[in-house]
Amino acid sequence: MIPIAIVDDHILIRYALAKHINTFSGYQVILEANNGKHFISQLNTRQFPALVLLDIHMPEMNGFETAIWISRHHPQIKIIAVSMVTDETAIIRMLRSGARGYLTKDAEPEELQLALQTVIDKGIYMNRLLYTHVMPTIYHNPVQTEEGYLKVITLSKREKEFLQWLCTDKAYKEIAVAMCVSIRTVDGYRDSLFEKLKVASRIGLVTFAIRNQIVQI
């Protein structure tokens, strides 16, 4: 069973999410909290959630703060934001805080299940919401600084190819097969790019690739 946590200050929303998730094969909700502080206080070191569904607007400790805390203290826990907010600034901020996907609360149960499985299997879930509200903003704002330009021209051909594969839904193991290299080599590309580009997540690398037109959507 894949353990899931739900952090939302609306009891009915938590109840509905938990009810649906517990019907999905292979998933079980093990923790519910009404804000970030409540979530942290309930963490059990014997069983951490593999994935957290996280609202944005909550009292005491909101979704942005909670995502940052999780990313810093337990980076192995994956995060999907679930909110009614569709403002692109909030979405981008949530992704930068550590979220691997973004759903609205009116999403169908089928999309929720797909998002869970995709983030668990591939590390990131890119749905129509992100493409519609976020990617055009990134794409239409290409390199604007000398620093950004210099970062692009220092990348090797293979690093650029790796960035292009990252912008697909392929998992790292699948990218290794596509590039005809070992998974260790792919891990090396990733870690090197993290250092070169000063980012700490796949979303950061994808954002850089699109913003700097290494890949086009």
N, C-alpha and C. Protein backbone atom coordinates (compact mmCIF):
# COMPACT_ATOMS: atom_id res chain seq x y z
N MET A 1 0.83 -1.20 0.00
CA MET A 1 0.00 0.00 0.00
C MET A 1 0.88 1.27 0.00
N ILE A 2 0.54 2.21 -0.84
CA ILE A 2 1.25 3.49 -0.87
C ILE A 2 0.56 4.43 0.11
N PRO A 3 1.28 4.88 1.15
CA PRO A 3 0.66 5.74 2.18
C PRO A 3 0.53 7.19 1.71
N ILE A 4 -0.66 7.76 1.94
CA ILE A 4 -0.98 9.11 1.49
C ILE A 4 -1.39 9.97 2.68
N ALA A 5 -1.02 11.25 2.65
CA ALA A 5 -1.47 12.21 3.65
C ALA A 5 -2.28 13.31 2.95
N ILE A 6 -3.28 13.82 3.64
CA ILE A 6 -4.10 14.91 3.12
C ILE A 6 -4.04 16.07 4.11
N VAL A 7 -3.64 17.24 3.61
CA VAL A 7 -3.54 18.43 4.47
C VAL A 7 -4.45 19.50 3.89
N ASP A 8 -5.57 19.73 4.56
CA ASP A 8 -6.58 20.69 4.08
C ASP A 8 -7.42 21.09 5.28
N ASP A 9 -7.74 22.38 5.38
CA ASP A 9 -8.49 22.83 6.55
C ASP A 9 -9.99 22.63 6.42
N HIS A 10 -10.46 22.13 5.28
CA HIS A 10 -11.88 21.84 5.10
C HIS A 10 -12.14 20.35 5.33
N ILE A 11 -12.87 20.05 6.37
CA ILE A 11 -13.10 18.66 6.76
C ILE A 11 -13.79 17.86 5.66
N LEU A 12 -14.78 18.46 5.02
CA LEU A 12 -15.52 17.74 3.97
C LEU A 12 -14.63 17.42 2.78
N ILE A 13 -13.72 18.33 2.45
CA ILE A 13 -12.78 18.08 1.35
C ILE A 13 -11.86 16.92 1.72
N ARG A 14 -11.33 16.94 2.94
CA ARG A 14 -10.47 15.85 3.37
C ARG A 14 -11.21 14.52 3.33
N TYR A 15 -12.44 14.54 3.81
CA TYR A 15 -13.24 13.32 3.85
C TYR A 15 -13.48 12.78 2.44
N ALA A 16 -13.82 13.68 1.51
CA ALA A 16 -14.09 13.24 0.13
C ALA A 16 -12.84 12.70 -0.53
N LEU A 17 -11.71 13.39 -0.34
CA LEU A 17 -10.46 12.92 -0.93
C LEU A 17 -10.06 11.56 -0.36
N ALA A 18 -10.15 11.42 0.96
CA ALA A 18 -9.77 10.16 1.60
C ALA A 18 -10.68 9.03 1.13
N LYS A 19 -11.96 9.32 1.02
CA LYS A 19 -12.92 8.30 0.58
C LYS A 19 -12.57 7.78 -0.81
N HIS A 20 -12.27 8.71 -1.71
CA HIS A 20 -11.92 8.30 -3.08
C HIS A 20 -10.59 7.53 -3.11
N ILE A 21 -9.57 8.09 -2.43
CA ILE A 21 -8.24 7.48 -2.49
C ILE A 21 -8.26 6.07 -1.91
N ASN A 22 -9.01 5.86 -0.86
CA ASN A 22 -9.05 4.53 -0.24
C ASN A 22 -9.76 3.49 -1.11
N THR A 23 -10.44 3.96 -2.17
CA THR A 23 -11.02 3.00 -3.12
C THR A 23 -10.04 2.67 -4.24
N PHE A 24 -8.96 3.45 -4.37
CA PHE A 24 -7.96 3.18 -5.41
C PHE A 24 -7.09 2.00 -4.98
N SER A 25 -6.89 1.08 -5.87
CA SER A 25 -6.07 -0.09 -5.56
C SER A 25 -4.63 0.33 -5.26
N GLY A 26 -4.12 -0.11 -4.12
CA GLY A 26 -2.72 0.15 -3.78
C GLY A 26 -2.46 1.42 -3.00
N TYR A 27 -3.51 2.15 -2.61
CA TYR A 27 -3.34 3.40 -1.88
C TYR A 27 -4.11 3.37 -0.56
N GLN A 28 -3.57 4.08 0.43
CA GLN A 28 -4.27 4.18 1.71
C GLN A 28 -3.93 5.51 2.37
N VAL A 29 -4.95 6.25 2.79
CA VAL A 29 -4.74 7.50 3.51
C VAL A 29 -4.40 7.16 4.96
N ILE A 30 -3.22 7.58 5.40
CA ILE A 30 -2.77 7.26 6.75
C ILE A 30 -2.75 8.47 7.67
N LEU A 31 -2.92 9.66 7.09
CA LEU A 31 -2.81 10.87 7.91
C LEU A 31 -3.68 11.98 7.31
N GLU A 32 -4.41 12.67 8.16
CA GLU A 32 -5.18 13.85 7.75
C GLU A 32 -4.85 14.99 8.70
N ALA A 33 -4.68 16.19 8.15
CA ALA A 33 -4.34 17.35 8.97
C ALA A 33 -5.02 18.59 8.42
N ASN A 34 -5.24 19.58 9.31
CA ASN A 34 -5.94 20.78 8.86
C ASN A 34 -5.02 21.96 8.55
N ASN A 35 -3.70 21.77 8.74
CA ASN A 35 -2.72 22.77 8.31
C ASN A 35 -1.33 22.15 8.44
N GLY A 36 -0.31 22.93 8.06
CA GLY A 36 1.04 22.39 8.09
C GLY A 36 1.54 22.00 9.46
N LYS A 37 1.27 22.83 10.46
CA LYS A 37 1.71 22.50 11.82
C LYS A 37 1.06 21.22 12.32
N HIS A 38 -0.22 21.08 12.04
CA HIS A 38 -0.94 19.87 12.44
C HIS A 38 -0.34 18.64 11.75
N PHE A 39 0.01 18.79 10.47
CA PHE A 39 0.64 17.70 9.71
C PHE A 39 1.96 17.28 10.35
N ILE A 40 2.81 18.27 10.63
CA ILE A 40 4.12 17.98 11.21
C ILE A 40 3.98 17.28 12.56
N SER A 41 3.03 17.72 13.36
CA SER A 41 2.85 17.13 14.69
C SER A 41 2.39 15.68 14.62
N GLN A 42 1.78 15.29 13.50
CA GLN A 42 1.25 13.93 13.37
C GLN A 42 2.20 12.97 12.67
N LEU A 43 3.29 13.48 12.13
CA LEU A 43 4.21 12.60 11.41
C LEU A 43 4.72 11.49 12.33
N ASN A 44 4.63 10.28 11.83
CA ASN A 44 5.07 9.11 12.59
C ASN A 44 6.32 8.57 11.90
N THR A 45 7.45 8.56 12.61
CA THR A 45 8.72 8.15 11.99
C THR A 45 8.70 6.70 11.54
N ARG A 46 7.75 5.93 12.03
CA ARG A 46 7.67 4.52 11.62
C ARG A 46 6.97 4.36 10.27
N GLN A 47 6.20 5.36 9.87
CA GLN A 47 5.51 5.28 8.59
C GLN A 47 5.24 6.69 8.05
N PHE A 48 6.14 7.15 7.18
CA PHE A 48 5.95 8.43 6.54
C PHE A 48 5.04 8.25 5.32
N PRO A 49 4.25 9.27 4.99
CA PRO A 49 3.50 9.20 3.73
C PRO A 49 4.47 9.27 2.55
N ALA A 50 4.14 8.58 1.49
CA ALA A 50 4.95 8.67 0.27
C ALA A 50 4.58 9.92 -0.51
N LEU A 51 3.35 10.39 -0.30
CA LEU A 51 2.85 11.53 -1.05
C LEU A 51 1.85 12.31 -0.20
N VAL A 52 1.91 13.64 -0.32
CA VAL A 52 1.01 14.52 0.43
C VAL A 52 0.17 15.33 -0.55
N LEU A 53 -1.15 15.32 -0.34
CA LEU A 53 -2.05 16.21 -1.06
C LEU A 53 -2.21 17.46 -0.21
N LEU A 54 -1.86 18.60 -0.78
CA LEU A 54 -1.68 19.80 0.03
C LEU A 54 -2.49 20.98 -0.50
N ASP A 55 -3.34 21.52 0.36
CA ASP A 55 -4.08 22.74 0.02
C ASP A 55 -3.14 23.95 0.15
N ILE A 56 -3.54 25.08 -0.42
CA ILE A 56 -2.71 26.29 -0.34
C ILE A 56 -3.12 27.16 0.84
N HIS A 57 -4.36 27.58 0.85
CA HIS A 57 -4.81 28.51 1.89
C HIS A 57 -5.28 27.75 3.13
N MET A 58 -4.46 27.84 4.18
CA MET A 58 -4.77 27.20 5.46
C MET A 58 -4.28 28.09 6.58
N PRO A 59 -4.91 28.04 7.75
CA PRO A 59 -4.46 28.86 8.88
C PRO A 59 -3.16 28.32 9.48
N GLU A 60 -2.45 29.18 10.17
CA GLU A 60 -1.23 28.86 10.93
C GLU A 60 -0.03 28.54 10.04
N MET A 61 -0.15 27.57 9.14
CA MET A 61 0.95 27.21 8.25
C MET A 61 0.36 26.81 6.91
N ASN A 62 0.51 27.68 5.92
CA ASN A 62 -0.16 27.46 4.64
C ASN A 62 0.56 26.45 3.76
N GLY A 63 0.02 26.25 2.56
CA GLY A 63 0.57 25.24 1.66
C GLY A 63 1.97 25.54 1.18
N PHE A 64 2.27 26.80 0.89
CA PHE A 64 3.62 27.17 0.45
C PHE A 64 4.63 26.84 1.54
N GLU A 65 4.34 27.26 2.76
CA GLU A 65 5.25 27.02 3.89
C GLU A 65 5.40 25.53 4.17
N THR A 66 4.30 24.81 4.07
CA THR A 66 4.34 23.37 4.33
C THR A 66 5.15 22.64 3.28
N ALA A 67 4.97 23.01 2.02
CA ALA A 67 5.72 22.37 0.93
C ALA A 67 7.21 22.61 1.09
N ILE A 68 7.59 23.82 1.45
CA ILE A 68 9.01 24.13 1.66
C ILE A 68 9.56 23.31 2.82
N TRP A 69 8.79 23.20 3.91
CA TRP A 69 9.24 22.41 5.07
C TRP A 69 9.43 20.95 4.69
N ILE A 70 8.47 20.39 3.96
CA ILE A 70 8.57 18.99 3.54
C ILE A 70 9.79 18.79 2.64
N SER A 71 9.98 19.69 1.68
CA SER A 71 11.10 19.57 0.74
C SER A 71 12.44 19.63 1.45
N ARG A 72 12.53 20.43 2.51
CA ARG A 72 13.79 20.57 3.23
C ARG A 72 14.06 19.43 4.19
N HIS A 73 13.01 18.97 4.87
CA HIS A 73 13.20 17.98 5.93
C HIS A 73 12.94 16.54 5.49
N HIS A 74 12.06 16.35 4.52
CA HIS A 74 11.75 15.00 4.04
C HIS A 74 11.56 15.02 2.52
N PRO A 75 12.64 15.27 1.78
CA PRO A 75 12.54 15.42 0.32
C PRO A 75 12.04 14.17 -0.40
N GLN A 76 12.05 13.02 0.29
CA GLN A 76 11.54 11.80 -0.33
C GLN A 76 10.01 11.81 -0.43
N ILE A 77 9.35 12.68 0.35
CA ILE A 77 7.89 12.78 0.29
C ILE A 77 7.49 13.66 -0.88
N LYS A 78 6.69 13.12 -1.78
CA LYS A 78 6.25 13.88 -2.95
C LYS A 78 4.99 14.68 -2.61
N ILE A 79 4.81 15.78 -3.31
CA ILE A 79 3.71 16.70 -3.00
C ILE A 79 2.88 16.98 -4.25
N ILE A 80 1.56 16.91 -4.10
CA ILE A 80 0.64 17.39 -5.13
C ILE A 80 -0.23 18.47 -4.49
N ALA A 81 -0.25 19.66 -5.07
CA ALA A 81 -1.12 20.72 -4.56
C ALA A 81 -2.55 20.46 -5.04
N VAL A 82 -3.49 20.64 -4.16
CA VAL A 82 -4.92 20.49 -4.50
C VAL A 82 -5.62 21.75 -4.00
N SER A 83 -6.05 22.58 -4.91
CA SER A 83 -6.60 23.88 -4.52
C SER A 83 -7.60 24.37 -5.56
N MET A 84 -8.43 25.34 -5.16
CA MET A 84 -9.32 26.00 -6.11
C MET A 84 -8.63 27.19 -6.77
N VAL A 85 -7.44 27.52 -6.31
CA VAL A 85 -6.69 28.65 -6.87
C VAL A 85 -6.12 28.27 -8.24
N THR A 86 -6.38 29.09 -9.25
CA THR A 86 -5.84 28.83 -10.59
C THR A 86 -4.99 29.99 -11.07
N ASP A 87 -4.64 30.90 -10.18
CA ASP A 87 -3.76 32.00 -10.52
C ASP A 87 -2.37 31.47 -10.83
N GLU A 88 -1.81 31.89 -11.97
CA GLU A 88 -0.53 31.32 -12.40
C GLU A 88 0.60 31.64 -11.43
N THR A 89 0.53 32.79 -10.76
CA THR A 89 1.57 33.13 -9.79
C THR A 89 1.58 32.14 -8.62
N ALA A 90 0.38 31.80 -8.14
CA ALA A 90 0.28 30.85 -7.04
C ALA A 90 0.73 29.46 -7.47
N ILE A 91 0.37 29.08 -8.70
CA ILE A 91 0.76 27.76 -9.19
C ILE A 91 2.27 27.66 -9.29
N ILE A 92 2.90 28.67 -9.91
CA ILE A 92 4.36 28.65 -10.06
C ILE A 92 5.03 28.66 -8.69
N ARG A 93 4.51 29.47 -7.77
CA ARG A 93 5.09 29.50 -6.43
C ARG A 93 4.99 28.15 -5.75
N MET A 94 3.86 27.46 -5.94
CA MET A 94 3.69 26.14 -5.34
C MET A 94 4.68 25.14 -5.92
N LEU A 95 4.87 25.20 -7.23
CA LEU A 95 5.83 24.30 -7.87
C LEU A 95 7.24 24.59 -7.38
N ARG A 96 7.58 25.86 -7.26
CA ARG A 96 8.91 26.21 -6.77
C ARG A 96 9.10 25.82 -5.31
N SER A 97 8.01 25.73 -4.57
CA SER A 97 8.09 25.32 -3.16
C SER A 97 8.27 23.82 -3.02
N GLY A 98 8.07 23.07 -4.11
CA GLY A 98 8.32 21.63 -4.05
C GLY A 98 7.23 20.73 -4.58
N ALA A 99 6.09 21.29 -4.99
CA ALA A 99 5.00 20.46 -5.51
C ALA A 99 5.41 19.79 -6.82
N ARG A 100 4.96 18.55 -7.01
CA ARG A 100 5.25 17.79 -8.24
C ARG A 100 4.06 17.78 -9.19
N GLY A 101 2.95 18.37 -8.77
CA GLY A 101 1.76 18.42 -9.61
C GLY A 101 0.77 19.38 -9.00
N TYR A 102 -0.28 19.71 -9.75
CA TYR A 102 -1.25 20.69 -9.28
C TYR A 102 -2.63 20.31 -9.80
N LEU A 103 -3.57 20.10 -8.88
CA LEU A 103 -4.94 19.76 -9.24
C LEU A 103 -5.89 20.79 -8.65
N THR A 104 -7.01 21.02 -9.32
CA THR A 104 -8.07 21.82 -8.72
C THR A 104 -9.02 20.88 -7.98
N LYS A 105 -9.75 21.42 -7.02
CA LYS A 105 -10.61 20.59 -6.18
C LYS A 105 -11.83 20.05 -6.92
N ASP A 106 -12.07 20.55 -8.12
CA ASP A 106 -13.18 20.01 -8.90
C ASP A 106 -12.72 18.97 -9.92
N ALA A 107 -11.47 18.50 -9.77
CA ALA A 107 -10.95 17.46 -10.67
C ALA A 107 -11.74 16.16 -10.49
N GLU A 108 -11.84 15.41 -11.55
CA GLU A 108 -12.52 14.12 -11.49
C GLU A 108 -11.65 13.11 -10.71
N PRO A 109 -12.29 12.13 -10.05
CA PRO A 109 -11.52 11.10 -9.33
C PRO A 109 -10.51 10.39 -10.23
N GLU A 110 -10.87 10.22 -11.51
CA GLU A 110 -9.95 9.54 -12.44
C GLU A 110 -8.66 10.34 -12.60
N GLU A 111 -8.78 11.68 -12.64
CA GLU A 111 -7.56 12.49 -12.77
C GLU A 111 -6.75 12.44 -11.49
N LEU A 112 -7.43 12.43 -10.35
CA LEU A 112 -6.73 12.31 -9.07
C LEU A 112 -5.92 11.03 -9.03
N GLN A 113 -6.52 9.93 -9.43
CA GLN A 113 -5.80 8.66 -9.43
C GLN A 113 -4.63 8.69 -10.40
N LEU A 114 -4.85 9.27 -11.57
CA LEU A 114 -3.77 9.39 -12.56
C LEU A 114 -2.63 10.24 -12.02
N ALA A 115 -2.96 11.34 -11.36
CA ALA A 115 -1.94 12.22 -10.80
C ALA A 115 -1.11 11.49 -9.74
N LEU A 116 -1.79 10.77 -8.85
CA LEU A 116 -1.08 10.01 -7.82
C LEU A 116 -0.11 9.03 -8.44
N GLN A 117 -0.59 8.25 -9.38
CA GLN A 117 0.24 7.21 -9.98
C GLN A 117 1.40 7.80 -10.79
N THR A 118 1.13 8.90 -11.50
CA THR A 118 2.17 9.52 -12.33
C THR A 118 3.27 10.11 -11.47
N VAL A 119 2.91 10.77 -10.38
CA VAL A 119 3.93 11.35 -9.50
C VAL A 119 4.74 10.26 -8.82
N ILE A 120 4.07 9.19 -8.39
CA ILE A 120 4.79 8.07 -7.77
C ILE A 120 5.74 7.42 -8.78
N ASP A 121 5.27 7.19 -10.02
CA ASP A 121 6.06 6.47 -11.02
C ASP A 121 7.10 7.34 -11.71
N LYS A 122 6.71 8.57 -12.05
CA LYS A 122 7.56 9.39 -12.91
C LYS A 122 8.07 10.67 -12.24
N GLY A 123 7.53 11.01 -11.07
CA GLY A 123 8.07 12.13 -10.33
C GLY A 123 7.40 13.46 -10.58
N ILE A 124 6.59 13.57 -11.64
CA ILE A 124 5.96 14.84 -11.96
C ILE A 124 4.69 14.59 -12.75
N TYR A 125 3.66 15.38 -12.47
CA TYR A 125 2.39 15.27 -13.20
C TYR A 125 2.10 16.60 -13.86
N MET A 126 2.13 16.63 -15.20
CA MET A 126 1.86 17.84 -15.96
C MET A 126 0.51 17.70 -16.63
N ASN A 127 -0.50 18.38 -16.11
CA ASN A 127 -1.83 18.29 -16.69
C ASN A 127 -2.16 19.54 -17.51
N ARG A 128 -3.37 19.59 -18.03
CA ARG A 128 -3.77 20.71 -18.89
C ARG A 128 -3.71 22.03 -18.14
N LEU A 129 -4.02 22.01 -16.83
CA LEU A 129 -3.97 23.25 -16.05
C LEU A 129 -2.59 23.87 -16.09
N LEU A 130 -1.55 23.05 -15.90
CA LEU A 130 -0.20 23.59 -15.90
C LEU A 130 0.19 24.09 -17.29
N TYR A 131 -0.14 23.32 -18.32
CA TYR A 131 0.18 23.76 -19.67
C TYR A 131 -0.54 25.06 -20.02
N THR A 132 -1.80 25.18 -19.59
CA THR A 132 -2.61 26.34 -19.95
C THR A 132 -2.20 27.59 -19.20
N HIS A 133 -1.94 27.46 -17.89
CA HIS A 133 -1.71 28.64 -17.06
C HIS A 133 -0.24 28.95 -16.81
N VAL A 134 0.63 27.94 -16.89
CA VAL A 134 2.01 28.15 -16.51
C VAL A 134 2.95 28.15 -17.70
N MET A 135 2.87 27.12 -18.54
CA MET A 135 3.84 26.97 -19.60
C MET A 135 3.85 28.13 -20.61
N PRO A 136 2.68 28.69 -21.01
CA PRO A 136 2.75 29.84 -21.91
C PRO A 136 3.50 31.02 -21.30
N THR A 137 3.34 31.22 -20.00
CA THR A 137 4.05 32.31 -19.33
C THR A 137 5.55 32.08 -19.38
N ILE A 138 5.95 30.84 -19.14
CA ILE A 138 7.37 30.51 -19.18
C ILE A 138 7.90 30.61 -20.60
N TYR A 139 7.14 30.07 -21.55
CA TYR A 139 7.60 30.00 -22.93
C TYR A 139 7.74 31.39 -23.55
N HIS A 140 6.84 32.29 -23.23
CA HIS A 140 6.87 33.62 -23.82
C HIS A 140 7.78 34.58 -23.07
N ASN A 141 8.54 34.06 -22.14
CA ASN A 141 9.55 34.87 -21.45
C ASN A 141 10.89 34.17 -21.57
N PRO A 142 11.50 34.20 -22.75
CA PRO A 142 12.78 33.53 -22.96
C PRO A 142 13.90 34.21 -22.20
N VAL A 143 15.12 33.75 -22.43
CA VAL A 143 16.28 34.25 -21.70
C VAL A 143 16.29 35.78 -21.72
N GLN A 144 16.35 36.39 -20.55
CA GLN A 144 16.31 37.84 -20.47
C GLN A 144 17.58 38.43 -19.83
N THR A 145 18.45 37.59 -19.35
CA THR A 145 19.65 38.08 -18.69
C THR A 145 20.88 37.45 -19.30
N GLU A 146 22.00 38.13 -19.14
CA GLU A 146 23.27 37.59 -19.62
C GLU A 146 23.61 36.30 -18.87
N GLU A 147 23.26 36.27 -17.57
CA GLU A 147 23.54 35.07 -16.77
C GLU A 147 22.81 33.86 -17.34
N GLY A 148 21.52 34.05 -17.70
CA GLY A 148 20.75 32.96 -18.27
C GLY A 148 21.33 32.50 -19.58
N TYR A 149 21.75 33.43 -20.41
CA TYR A 149 22.33 33.08 -21.71
C TYR A 149 23.61 32.28 -21.52
N LEU A 150 24.45 32.71 -20.58
CA LEU A 150 25.71 32.01 -20.34
C LEU A 150 25.48 30.59 -19.85
N LYS A 151 24.43 30.41 -19.04
CA LYS A 151 24.12 29.06 -18.57
C LYS A 151 23.77 28.14 -19.74
N VAL A 152 23.02 28.67 -20.70
CA VAL A 152 22.61 27.85 -21.85
C VAL A 152 23.80 27.44 -22.68
N ILE A 153 24.67 28.38 -23.00
CA ILE A 153 25.78 28.07 -23.92
C ILE A 153 26.84 27.19 -23.28
N THR A 154 26.84 27.07 -21.95
CA THR A 154 27.81 26.19 -21.30
C THR A 154 27.32 24.75 -21.21
N LEU A 155 26.07 24.50 -21.58
CA LEU A 155 25.55 23.14 -21.53
C LEU A 155 26.07 22.32 -22.70
N SER A 156 26.39 21.05 -22.43
CA SER A 156 26.82 20.16 -23.49
C SER A 156 25.63 19.70 -24.32
N LYS A 157 25.91 19.12 -25.48
CA LYS A 157 24.84 18.61 -26.35
C LYS A 157 24.03 17.54 -25.63
N ARG A 158 24.70 16.67 -24.87
CA ARG A 158 24.00 15.60 -24.16
C ARG A 158 23.16 16.15 -23.02
N GLU A 159 23.65 17.20 -22.35
CA GLU A 159 22.87 17.81 -21.28
C GLU A 159 21.60 18.43 -21.83
N LYS A 160 21.70 19.06 -23.00
CA LYS A 160 20.51 19.65 -23.63
C LYS A 160 19.53 18.54 -24.05
N GLU A 161 20.08 17.44 -24.55
CA GLU A 161 19.22 16.32 -24.93
C GLU A 161 18.51 15.76 -23.69
N PHE A 162 19.25 15.65 -22.59
CA PHE A 162 18.66 15.18 -21.34
C PHE A 162 17.53 16.11 -20.89
N LEU A 163 17.74 17.41 -20.99
CA LEU A 163 16.70 18.38 -20.62
C LEU A 163 15.46 18.21 -21.49
N GLN A 164 15.66 17.92 -22.76
CA GLN A 164 14.52 17.70 -23.66
C GLN A 164 13.72 16.48 -23.24
N TRP A 165 14.41 15.40 -22.85
CA TRP A 165 13.72 14.20 -22.39
C TRP A 165 13.00 14.46 -21.06
N LEU A 166 13.58 15.32 -20.22
CA LEU A 166 12.93 15.63 -18.94
C LEU A 166 11.57 16.28 -19.14
N CYS A 167 11.38 16.94 -20.26
CA CYS A 167 10.12 17.64 -20.52
C CYS A 167 9.04 16.70 -21.06
N THR A 168 9.33 15.42 -21.11
CA THR A 168 8.33 14.41 -21.45
C THR A 168 7.85 13.76 -20.16
N ASP A 169 6.97 12.76 -20.29
CA ASP A 169 6.49 12.07 -19.08
C ASP A 169 7.31 10.83 -18.75
N LYS A 170 8.49 10.70 -19.36
CA LYS A 170 9.33 9.53 -19.11
C LYS A 170 9.99 9.61 -17.73
N ALA A 171 10.06 8.46 -17.07
CA ALA A 171 10.79 8.36 -15.81
C ALA A 171 12.28 8.35 -16.11
N TYR A 172 13.12 8.55 -15.10
CA TYR A 172 14.57 8.60 -15.32
C TYR A 172 15.10 7.31 -15.95
N LYS A 173 14.57 6.16 -15.53
CA LYS A 173 15.03 4.90 -16.11
C LYS A 173 14.69 4.83 -17.59
N GLU A 174 13.52 5.35 -17.97
CA GLU A 174 13.12 5.35 -19.38
C GLU A 174 13.97 6.32 -20.19
N ILE A 175 14.35 7.44 -19.57
CA ILE A 175 15.23 8.40 -20.25
C ILE A 175 16.59 7.76 -20.50
N ALA A 176 17.09 7.00 -19.54
CA ALA A 176 18.38 6.31 -19.71
C ALA A 176 18.34 5.37 -20.91
N VAL A 177 17.24 4.63 -21.04
CA VAL A 177 17.09 3.72 -22.19
C VAL A 177 17.04 4.52 -23.49
N ALA A 178 16.28 5.61 -23.51
CA ALA A 178 16.13 6.41 -24.72
C ALA A 178 17.46 7.04 -25.15
N MET A 179 18.30 7.39 -24.16
CA MET A 179 19.58 8.02 -24.47
C MET A 179 20.71 7.00 -24.61
N CYS A 180 20.36 5.71 -24.42
CA CYS A 180 21.35 4.61 -24.55
C CYS A 180 22.51 4.77 -23.56
N VAL A 181 22.17 5.15 -22.33
CA VAL A 181 23.18 5.28 -21.28
C VAL A 181 22.65 4.58 -20.02
N SER A 182 23.49 4.48 -19.01
CA SER A 182 23.08 3.85 -17.76
C SER A 182 22.29 4.83 -16.91
N ILE A 183 21.54 4.30 -15.96
CA ILE A 183 20.80 5.17 -15.05
C ILE A 183 21.77 6.00 -14.22
N ARG A 184 22.96 5.48 -13.96
CA ARG A 184 23.97 6.25 -13.22
C ARG A 184 24.41 7.47 -14.02
N THR A 185 24.54 7.31 -15.33
CA THR A 185 24.91 8.44 -16.18
C THR A 185 23.81 9.50 -16.17
N VAL A 186 22.56 9.05 -16.25
CA VAL A 186 21.43 9.98 -16.19
C VAL A 186 21.42 10.72 -14.86
N ASP A 187 21.65 10.01 -13.78
CA ASP A 187 21.73 10.66 -12.46
C ASP A 187 22.85 11.70 -12.45
N GLY A 188 23.94 11.39 -13.15
CA GLY A 188 25.05 12.34 -13.23
C GLY A 188 24.66 13.60 -13.98
N TYR A 189 23.94 13.44 -15.11
CA TYR A 189 23.44 14.61 -15.85
C TYR A 189 22.57 15.47 -14.95
N ARG A 190 21.65 14.81 -14.25
CA ARG A 190 20.72 15.53 -13.38
C ARG A 190 21.45 16.31 -12.30
N ASP A 191 22.36 15.64 -11.59
CA ASP A 191 23.06 16.29 -10.49
C ASP A 191 23.95 17.43 -10.99
N SER A 192 24.58 17.22 -12.15
CA SER A 192 25.42 18.27 -12.73
C SER A 192 24.59 19.50 -13.09
N LEU A 193 23.40 19.26 -13.67
CA LEU A 193 22.53 20.36 -14.05
C LEU A 193 21.96 21.07 -12.82
N PHE A 194 21.65 20.31 -11.78
CA PHE A 194 21.21 20.95 -10.53
C PHE A 194 22.26 21.98 -10.08
N GLU A 195 23.54 21.61 -10.16
CA GLU A 195 24.61 22.49 -9.71
C GLU A 195 24.80 23.66 -10.68
N LYS A 196 24.81 23.36 -11.97
CA LYS A 196 25.04 24.42 -12.97
C LYS A 196 23.92 25.45 -12.99
N LEU A 197 22.69 24.97 -12.90
CA LEU A 197 21.53 25.85 -13.08
C LEU A 197 20.97 26.37 -11.76
N LYS A 198 21.53 25.89 -10.65
CA LYS A 198 21.11 26.34 -9.33
C LYS A 198 19.62 26.06 -9.08
N VAL A 199 19.19 24.86 -9.41
CA VAL A 199 17.84 24.41 -9.12
C VAL A 199 17.94 23.10 -8.34
N ALA A 200 16.81 22.64 -7.79
CA ALA A 200 16.88 21.46 -6.92
C ALA A 200 15.78 20.45 -7.22
N SER A 201 15.15 20.55 -8.40
CA SER A 201 14.07 19.62 -8.70
C SER A 201 13.93 19.45 -10.20
N ARG A 202 13.22 18.39 -10.60
CA ARG A 202 12.95 18.17 -12.02
C ARG A 202 12.13 19.32 -12.59
N ILE A 203 11.18 19.82 -11.82
CA ILE A 203 10.37 20.95 -12.28
C ILE A 203 11.26 22.15 -12.57
N GLY A 204 12.26 22.39 -11.74
CA GLY A 204 13.19 23.49 -11.98
C GLY A 204 13.93 23.33 -13.29
N LEU A 205 14.35 22.10 -13.59
CA LEU A 205 15.05 21.84 -14.84
C LEU A 205 14.12 22.00 -16.04
N VAL A 206 12.88 21.50 -15.91
CA VAL A 206 11.90 21.63 -16.99
C VAL A 206 11.60 23.10 -17.26
N THR A 207 11.42 23.87 -16.20
CA THR A 207 11.14 25.30 -16.34
C THR A 207 12.28 26.00 -17.05
N PHE A 208 13.52 25.69 -16.68
CA PHE A 208 14.68 26.30 -17.33
C PHE A 208 14.71 25.94 -18.81
N ALA A 209 14.45 24.67 -19.14
CA ALA A 209 14.50 24.22 -20.53
C ALA A 209 13.47 24.95 -21.40
N ILE A 210 12.28 25.12 -20.87
CA ILE A 210 11.22 25.78 -21.63
C ILE A 210 11.47 27.28 -21.72
N ARG A 211 11.84 27.88 -20.61
CA ARG A 211 12.08 29.32 -20.60
C ARG A 211 13.18 29.71 -21.58
N ASN A 212 14.20 28.85 -21.71
CA ASN A 212 15.35 29.16 -22.55
C ASN A 212 15.28 28.48 -23.92
N GLN A 213 14.08 27.97 -24.26
CA GLN A 213 13.78 27.42 -25.59
C GLN A 213 14.70 26.26 -25.99
N ILE A 214 15.15 25.51 -24.97
CA ILE A 214 15.87 24.26 -25.26
C ILE A 214 14.87 23.23 -25.76
N VAL A 215 13.64 23.35 -25.28
CA VAL A 215 12.52 22.55 -25.80
C VAL A 215 11.37 23.50 -26.00
N GLN A 216 10.52 23.22 -26.99
CA GLN A 216 9.36 24.05 -27.25
C GLN A 216 8.09 23.23 -27.08
N ILE A 217 7.03 23.86 -26.62
CA ILE A 217 5.75 23.17 -26.42
C ILE A 217 4.70 23.79 -27.32
